[in-house]
PDB file of all heavy atoms in Angstrom:
ATOM      1  N   ALA A   1       5.382  38.495  79.422  1.00  0.00           N
ATOM      2  CA  ALA A   1       4.469  39.015  80.433  1.00  0.00           C
ATOM      3  C   ALA A   1       4.762  40.484  80.720  1.00  0.00           C
ATOM      4  O   ALA A   1       3.843  41.297  80.884  1.00  0.00           O
ATOM      5  CB  ALA A   1       4.576  38.191  81.714  1.00  0.00           C
ATOM      6  N   HIS A   2       6.039  40.839  80.767  1.00  0.00           N
ATOM      7  CA  HIS A   2       6.401  42.241  80.999  1.00  0.00           C
ATOM      8  C   HIS A   2       5.914  43.130  79.862  1.00  0.00           C
ATOM      9  O   HIS A   2       5.316  44.190  80.098  1.00  0.00           O
ATOM     10  CB  HIS A   2       7.915  42.386  81.140  1.00  0.00           C
ATOM     11  CG  HIS A   2       8.379  43.810  80.989  1.00  0.00           C
ATOM     12  ND1 HIS A   2       8.178  44.761  81.967  1.00  0.00           N
ATOM     13  CD2 HIS A   2       8.987  44.443  79.948  1.00  0.00           C
ATOM     14  CE1 HIS A   2       8.663  45.926  81.546  1.00  0.00           C
ATOM     15  NE2 HIS A   2       9.156  45.760  80.328  1.00  0.00           N
ATOM     16  N   LEU A   3       6.158  42.702  78.633  1.00  0.00           N
ATOM     17  CA  LEU A   3       5.767  43.528  77.486  1.00  0.00           C
ATOM     18  C   LEU A   3       4.260  43.762  77.467  1.00  0.00           C
ATOM     19  O   LEU A   3       3.799  44.891  77.239  1.00  0.00           O
ATOM     20  CB  LEU A   3       6.220  42.862  76.186  1.00  0.00           C
ATOM     21  CG  LEU A   3       7.732  42.784  75.959  1.00  0.00           C
ATOM     22  CD1 LEU A   3       8.038  41.977  74.707  1.00  0.00           C
ATOM     23  CD2 LEU A   3       8.345  44.165  75.877  1.00  0.00           C
ATOM     24  N   LEU A   4       3.501  42.732  77.700  1.00  0.00           N
ATOM     25  CA  LEU A   4       2.046  42.854  77.634  1.00  0.00           C
ATOM     26  C   LEU A   4       1.503  43.692  78.781  1.00  0.00           C
ATOM     27  O   LEU A   4       0.487  44.382  78.621  1.00  0.00           O
ATOM     28  CB  LEU A   4       1.407  41.467  77.638  1.00  0.00           C
ATOM     29  CG  LEU A   4       1.710  40.586  76.422  1.00  0.00           C
ATOM     30  CD1 LEU A   4       1.049  39.221  76.573  1.00  0.00           C
ATOM     31  CD2 LEU A   4       1.267  41.254  75.124  1.00  0.00           C
ATOM     32  N   ALA A   5       2.170  43.664  79.930  1.00  0.00           N
ATOM     33  CA  ALA A   5       1.680  44.408  81.090  1.00  0.00           C
ATOM     34  C   ALA A   5       2.122  45.863  81.095  1.00  0.00           C
ATOM     35  O   ALA A   5       1.474  46.700  81.741  1.00  0.00           O
ATOM     36  CB  ALA A   5       2.158  43.734  82.375  1.00  0.00           C
ATOM     37  N   SER A   6       3.194  46.189  80.360  1.00  0.00           N
ATOM     38  CA  SER A   6       3.854  47.467  80.565  1.00  0.00           C
ATOM     39  C   SER A   6       3.963  48.347  79.326  1.00  0.00           C
ATOM     40  O   SER A   6       4.485  49.463  79.411  1.00  0.00           O
ATOM     41  CB  SER A   6       5.273  47.235  81.105  1.00  0.00           C
ATOM     42  OG  SER A   6       5.241  46.448  82.270  1.00  0.00           O
ATOM     43  N   HIS A   7       3.508  47.838  78.176  1.00  0.00           N
ATOM     44  CA  HIS A   7       3.683  48.573  76.927  1.00  0.00           C
ATOM     45  C   HIS A   7       2.380  48.599  76.129  1.00  0.00           C
ATOM     46  O   HIS A   7       1.405  47.945  76.488  1.00  0.00           O
ATOM     47  CB  HIS A   7       4.812  47.949  76.103  1.00  0.00           C
ATOM     48  CG  HIS A   7       6.152  48.090  76.750  1.00  0.00           C
ATOM     49  ND1 HIS A   7       6.905  49.225  76.655  1.00  0.00           N
ATOM     50  CD2 HIS A   7       6.863  47.224  77.533  1.00  0.00           C
ATOM     51  CE1 HIS A   7       8.026  49.074  77.340  1.00  0.00           C
ATOM     52  NE2 HIS A   7       8.027  47.865  77.882  1.00  0.00           N
ATOM     53  N   SER A   8       2.391  49.358  75.031  1.00  0.00           N
ATOM     54  CA  SER A   8       1.199  49.560  74.209  1.00  0.00           C
ATOM     55  C   SER A   8       1.437  49.047  72.798  1.00  0.00           C
ATOM     56  O   SER A   8       2.530  49.215  72.241  1.00  0.00           O
ATOM     57  CB  SER A   8       0.852  51.054  74.127  1.00  0.00           C
ATOM     58  OG  SER A   8       0.586  51.603  75.395  1.00  0.00           O
ATOM     59  N   PHE A   9       0.413  48.458  72.216  1.00  0.00           N
ATOM     60  CA  PHE A   9       0.467  48.087  70.807  1.00  0.00           C
ATOM     61  C   PHE A   9       0.232  49.331  69.945  1.00  0.00           C
ATOM     62  O   PHE A   9      -0.275  50.360  70.416  1.00  0.00           O
ATOM     63  CB  PHE A   9      -0.571  47.013  70.497  1.00  0.00           C
ATOM     64  CG  PHE A   9      -0.198  45.657  71.015  1.00  0.00           C
ATOM     65  CD1 PHE A   9      -0.812  45.136  72.152  1.00  0.00           C
ATOM     66  CD2 PHE A   9       0.775  44.895  70.380  1.00  0.00           C
ATOM     67  CE1 PHE A   9      -0.460  43.888  72.636  1.00  0.00           C
ATOM     68  CE2 PHE A   9       1.128  43.643  70.857  1.00  0.00           C
ATOM     69  CZ  PHE A   9       0.516  43.138  71.992  1.00  0.00           C
ATOM     70  N   ALA A  10       0.602  49.226  68.669  1.00  0.00           N
ATOM     71  CA  ALA A  10       0.440  50.357  67.758  1.00  0.00           C
ATOM     72  C   ALA A  10      -1.000  50.852  67.729  1.00  0.00           C
ATOM     73  O   ALA A  10      -1.256  52.065  67.741  1.00  0.00           O
ATOM     74  CB  ALA A  10       0.899  49.960  66.358  1.00  0.00           C
ATOM     75  N   GLU A  11      -1.945  49.928  67.715  1.00  0.00           N
ATOM     76  CA  GLU A  11      -3.342  50.350  67.649  1.00  0.00           C
ATOM     77  C   GLU A  11      -3.766  51.120  68.906  1.00  0.00           C
ATOM     78  O   GLU A  11      -4.638  51.981  68.863  1.00  0.00           O
ATOM     79  CB  GLU A  11      -4.269  49.160  67.419  1.00  0.00           C
ATOM     80  CG  GLU A  11      -4.070  47.985  68.354  1.00  0.00           C
ATOM     81  CD  GLU A  11      -3.117  46.938  67.808  1.00  0.00           C
ATOM     82  OE1 GLU A  11      -2.104  47.311  67.163  1.00  0.00           O
ATOM     83  OE2 GLU A  11      -3.379  45.739  68.039  1.00  0.00           O
ATOM     84  N   ASP A  12      -3.130  50.820  70.063  1.00  0.00           N
ATOM     85  CA  ASP A  12      -3.395  51.585  71.284  1.00  0.00           C
ATOM     86  C   ASP A  12      -2.909  53.027  71.125  1.00  0.00           C
ATOM     87  O   ASP A  12      -3.588  53.974  71.538  1.00  0.00           O
ATOM     88  CB  ASP A  12      -2.687  50.944  72.480  1.00  0.00           C
ATOM     89  CG  ASP A  12      -3.159  49.534  72.771  1.00  0.00           C
ATOM     90  OD1 ASP A  12      -4.375  49.295  72.700  1.00  0.00           O
ATOM     91  OD2 ASP A  12      -2.310  48.667  73.061  1.00  0.00           O
ATOM     92  N   ALA A  13      -1.732  53.177  70.536  1.00  0.00           N
ATOM     93  CA  ALA A  13      -1.214  54.524  70.278  1.00  0.00           C
ATOM     94  C   ALA A  13      -2.146  55.304  69.368  1.00  0.00           C
ATOM     95  O   ALA A  13      -2.385  56.505  69.561  1.00  0.00           O
ATOM     96  CB  ALA A  13       0.179  54.435  69.659  1.00  0.00           C
ATOM     97  N   GLY A  14      -2.702  54.628  68.362  1.00  0.00           N
ATOM     98  CA  GLY A  14      -3.641  55.280  67.461  1.00  0.00           C
ATOM     99  C   GLY A  14      -4.883  55.771  68.179  1.00  0.00           C
ATOM    100  O   GLY A  14      -5.402  56.863  67.885  1.00  0.00           O
ATOM    101  N   ARG A  15      -5.375  54.992  69.119  1.00  0.00           N
ATOM    102  CA  ARG A  15      -6.564  55.408  69.874  1.00  0.00           C
ATOM    103  C   ARG A  15      -6.284  56.671  70.681  1.00  0.00           C
ATOM    104  O   ARG A  15      -7.118  57.585  70.757  1.00  0.00           O
ATOM    105  CB  ARG A  15      -7.018  54.277  70.797  1.00  0.00           C
ATOM    106  CG  ARG A  15      -7.571  53.056  70.072  1.00  0.00           C
ATOM    107  CD  ARG A  15      -8.133  52.023  71.036  1.00  0.00           C
ATOM    108  NE  ARG A  15      -8.553  50.827  70.312  1.00  0.00           N
ATOM    109  CZ  ARG A  15      -7.810  49.736  70.155  1.00  0.00           C
ATOM    110  NH1 ARG A  15      -6.596  49.684  70.721  1.00  0.00           N
ATOM    111  NH2 ARG A  15      -8.252  48.708  69.469  1.00  0.00           N
ATOM    112  N   VAL A  16      -5.103  56.736  71.298  1.00  0.00           N
ATOM    113  CA  VAL A  16      -4.749  57.923  72.074  1.00  0.00           C
ATOM    114  C   VAL A  16      -4.652  59.145  71.167  1.00  0.00           C
ATOM    115  O   VAL A  16      -5.187  60.213  71.470  1.00  0.00           O
ATOM    116  CB  VAL A  16      -3.416  57.698  72.824  1.00  0.00           C
ATOM    117  CG1 VAL A  16      -2.967  58.996  73.509  1.00  0.00           C
ATOM    118  CG2 VAL A  16      -3.554  56.585  73.846  1.00  0.00           C
ATOM    119  N   ALA A  17      -3.974  58.996  70.028  1.00  0.00           N
ATOM    120  CA  ALA A  17      -3.802  60.118  69.106  1.00  0.00           C
ATOM    121  C   ALA A  17      -5.141  60.624  68.590  1.00  0.00           C
ATOM    122  O   ALA A  17      -5.370  61.840  68.479  1.00  0.00           O
ATOM    123  CB  ALA A  17      -2.911  59.694  67.940  1.00  0.00           C
ATOM    124  N   THR A  18      -6.050  59.708  68.263  1.00  0.00           N
ATOM    125  CA  THR A  18      -7.368  60.089  67.766  1.00  0.00           C
ATOM    126  C   THR A  18      -8.178  60.792  68.847  1.00  0.00           C
ATOM    127  O   THR A  18      -8.791  61.839  68.608  1.00  0.00           O
ATOM    128  CB  THR A  18      -8.111  58.853  67.257  1.00  0.00           C
ATOM    129  OG1 THR A  18      -7.375  58.271  66.175  1.00  0.00           O
ATOM    130  CG2 THR A  18      -9.510  59.204  66.778  1.00  0.00           C
ATOM    131  N   ALA A  19      -8.164  60.225  70.049  1.00  0.00           N
ATOM    132  CA  ALA A  19      -8.917  60.827  71.142  1.00  0.00           C
ATOM    133  C   ALA A  19      -8.375  62.206  71.507  1.00  0.00           C
ATOM    134  O   ALA A  19      -9.130  63.102  71.884  1.00  0.00           O
ATOM    135  CB  ALA A  19      -8.874  59.911  72.363  1.00  0.00           C
ATOM    136  N   ALA A  20      -7.062  62.386  71.376  1.00  0.00           N
ATOM    137  CA  ALA A  20      -6.449  63.657  71.742  1.00  0.00           C
ATOM    138  C   ALA A  20      -6.530  64.700  70.635  1.00  0.00           C
ATOM    139  O   ALA A  20      -6.269  65.874  70.881  1.00  0.00           O
ATOM    140  CB  ALA A  20      -4.982  63.431  72.111  1.00  0.00           C
ATOM    141  N   GLY A  21      -6.859  64.289  69.409  1.00  0.00           N
ATOM    142  CA  GLY A  21      -6.915  65.231  68.301  1.00  0.00           C
ATOM    143  C   GLY A  21      -5.575  65.849  67.973  1.00  0.00           C
ATOM    144  O   GLY A  21      -5.480  67.047  67.681  1.00  0.00           O
ATOM    145  N   VAL A  22      -4.498  65.045  68.050  1.00  0.00           N
ATOM    146  CA  VAL A  22      -3.172  65.578  67.756  1.00  0.00           C
ATOM    147  C   VAL A  22      -3.008  65.776  66.252  1.00  0.00           C
ATOM    148  O   VAL A  22      -3.759  65.227  65.443  1.00  0.00           O
ATOM    149  CB  VAL A  22      -2.065  64.650  68.303  1.00  0.00           C
ATOM    150  CG1 VAL A  22      -2.258  64.423  69.793  1.00  0.00           C
ATOM    151  CG2 VAL A  22      -2.010  63.323  67.567  1.00  0.00           C
ATOM    152  N   ALA A  23      -2.013  66.583  65.874  1.00  0.00           N
ATOM    153  CA  ALA A  23      -1.785  66.860  64.456  1.00  0.00           C
ATOM    154  C   ALA A  23      -0.951  65.790  63.773  1.00  0.00           C
ATOM    155  O   ALA A  23      -1.080  65.562  62.570  1.00  0.00           O
ATOM    156  CB  ALA A  23      -1.104  68.221  64.289  1.00  0.00           C
ATOM    157  N   HIS A  24      -0.087  65.122  64.527  1.00  0.00           N
ATOM    158  CA  HIS A  24       0.879  64.214  63.918  1.00  0.00           C
ATOM    159  C   HIS A  24       1.248  63.164  64.963  1.00  0.00           C
ATOM    160  O   HIS A  24       1.592  63.505  66.097  1.00  0.00           O
ATOM    161  CB  HIS A  24       2.116  65.005  63.495  1.00  0.00           C
ATOM    162  CG  HIS A  24       3.078  64.263  62.626  1.00  0.00           C
ATOM    163  ND1 HIS A  24       3.963  64.914  61.796  1.00  0.00           N
ATOM    164  CD2 HIS A  24       3.318  62.944  62.451  1.00  0.00           C
ATOM    165  CE1 HIS A  24       4.703  64.018  61.146  1.00  0.00           C
ATOM    166  NE2 HIS A  24       4.325  62.821  61.539  1.00  0.00           N
TER     167      HIS A  24
END
């Protein structure tokens, strides 16, 4: 329950990186 409420899956990280237009 803690992990699901408090952390991000890899695909979530990908969405942030894509939306932010980061280089790496």
